[in-house]
Amino acid sequence: MDELARKLAQELLDSGKDLYREQYPVTRNQQKTEEVIVVIAIKTDRRGEQILKEMAEHFETKAVAGPKGNVCPVCNGTGRI
């Protein structure tokens, strides 16, 4: 995946844009699930990099969907943070 990420970063630079985002539905047995894969590439400065790193750490530890039936401790089941 590192090589693909490098290619995405180069494509973002070549495009002249500062942001790329797309989401892809996760399918199992050709059926869509409730899950999606979100791909985001952002051109930023060091301060922005630190803010994004902190946000990513927050999502990794608190906002990632858990097993069905568990309520998210961050949004309390609303889906909003």
Protein backbone atom coordinates (compact mmCIF):
# COMPACT_ATOMS: atom_id res chain seq x y z
CA MET A 1 0.00 0.00 0.00
CA ASP A 2 2.94 2.34 0.53
CA GLU A 3 3.68 2.36 -3.20
CA LEU A 4 0.05 3.15 -4.00
CA ALA A 5 0.07 5.96 -1.43
CA ARG A 6 3.19 7.43 -3.04
CA LYS A 7 1.51 7.27 -6.46
CA LEU A 8 -1.59 8.99 -5.05
CA ALA A 9 0.59 11.72 -3.52
CA GLN A 10 2.35 12.27 -6.84
CA GLU A 11 -0.98 12.36 -8.70
CA LEU A 12 -2.24 14.98 -6.24
CA LEU A 13 0.87 17.10 -6.81
CA ASP A 14 0.62 16.70 -10.59
CA SER A 15 -3.05 17.72 -10.55
CA GLY A 16 -2.29 21.05 -8.87
CA LYS A 17 -5.06 20.43 -6.36
CA ASP A 18 -4.75 20.47 -2.56
CA LEU A 19 -7.36 17.81 -1.79
CA TYR A 20 -8.53 14.46 -3.11
CA ARG A 21 -11.26 12.48 -1.41
CA GLU A 22 -13.34 9.52 -2.43
CA GLN A 23 -15.27 6.80 -0.70
CA TYR A 24 -15.82 3.24 -1.80
CA PRO A 25 -18.48 0.89 -0.43
CA VAL A 26 -17.31 -2.37 1.10
CA THR A 27 -18.98 -5.41 -0.42
CA ARG A 28 -19.13 -9.00 0.73
CA ASN A 29 -20.53 -11.71 -1.53
CA GLN A 30 -21.41 -8.97 -4.03
CA GLN A 31 -23.62 -7.25 -1.42
CA LYS A 32 -22.93 -3.76 -0.07
CA THR A 33 -22.27 -3.58 3.65
CA GLU A 34 -22.71 -0.55 5.91
CA GLU A 35 -18.96 0.00 5.77
CA VAL A 36 -17.07 2.31 3.42
CA ILE A 37 -13.42 2.91 2.71
CA VAL A 38 -12.58 6.63 2.71
CA VAL A 39 -9.47 7.74 0.82
CA ILE A 40 -8.18 11.25 1.51
CA ALA A 41 -5.04 12.94 0.24
CA ILE A 42 -4.33 16.48 1.47
CA LYS A 43 -1.49 18.82 0.58
CA THR A 44 -0.72 20.79 3.73
CA ASP A 45 2.01 22.41 5.80
CA ARG A 46 3.70 21.03 8.96
CA ARG A 47 1.06 22.55 11.27
CA GLY A 48 -1.72 20.98 9.23
CA GLU A 49 0.15 17.69 9.26
CA GLN A 50 0.22 17.71 13.07
CA ILE A 51 -3.50 18.49 13.27
CA LEU A 52 -4.32 15.68 10.84
CA LYS A 53 -2.09 13.27 12.76
CA GLU A 54 -3.94 14.07 16.00
CA MET A 55 -7.30 13.61 14.27
CA ALA A 56 -6.19 10.25 12.86
CA GLU A 57 -5.05 9.10 16.31
CA HIS A 58 -8.42 10.14 17.72
CA PHE A 59 -10.29 8.12 15.10
CA GLU A 60 -8.02 5.10 15.56
CA THR A 61 -8.59 4.99 19.30
CA LYS A 62 -12.12 6.30 19.78
CA ALA A 63 -14.25 6.67 16.68
CA VAL A 64 -13.67 3.46 14.72
CA ALA A 65 -16.81 1.39 14.44
CA GLY A 66 -16.89 -1.52 16.84
CA PRO A 67 -18.89 -4.74 16.85
CA LYS A 68 -22.60 -4.41 16.20
CA GLY A 69 -24.49 -3.47 19.32
CA ASN A 70 -21.67 -1.37 20.79
CA VAL A 71 -22.42 2.34 21.01
CA CYS A 72 -19.60 4.66 19.96
CA PRO A 73 -18.24 6.37 23.10
CA VAL A 74 -17.44 9.55 21.17
CA CYS A 75 -20.72 10.23 19.37
CA ASN A 76 -22.98 8.17 21.66
CA GLY A 77 -24.49 6.44 18.65
CA THR A 78 -25.45 9.59 16.71
CA GLY A 79 -22.73 9.24 14.07
CA ARG A 80 -21.69 12.84 14.66
CA ILE A 81 -18.47 13.91 16.31
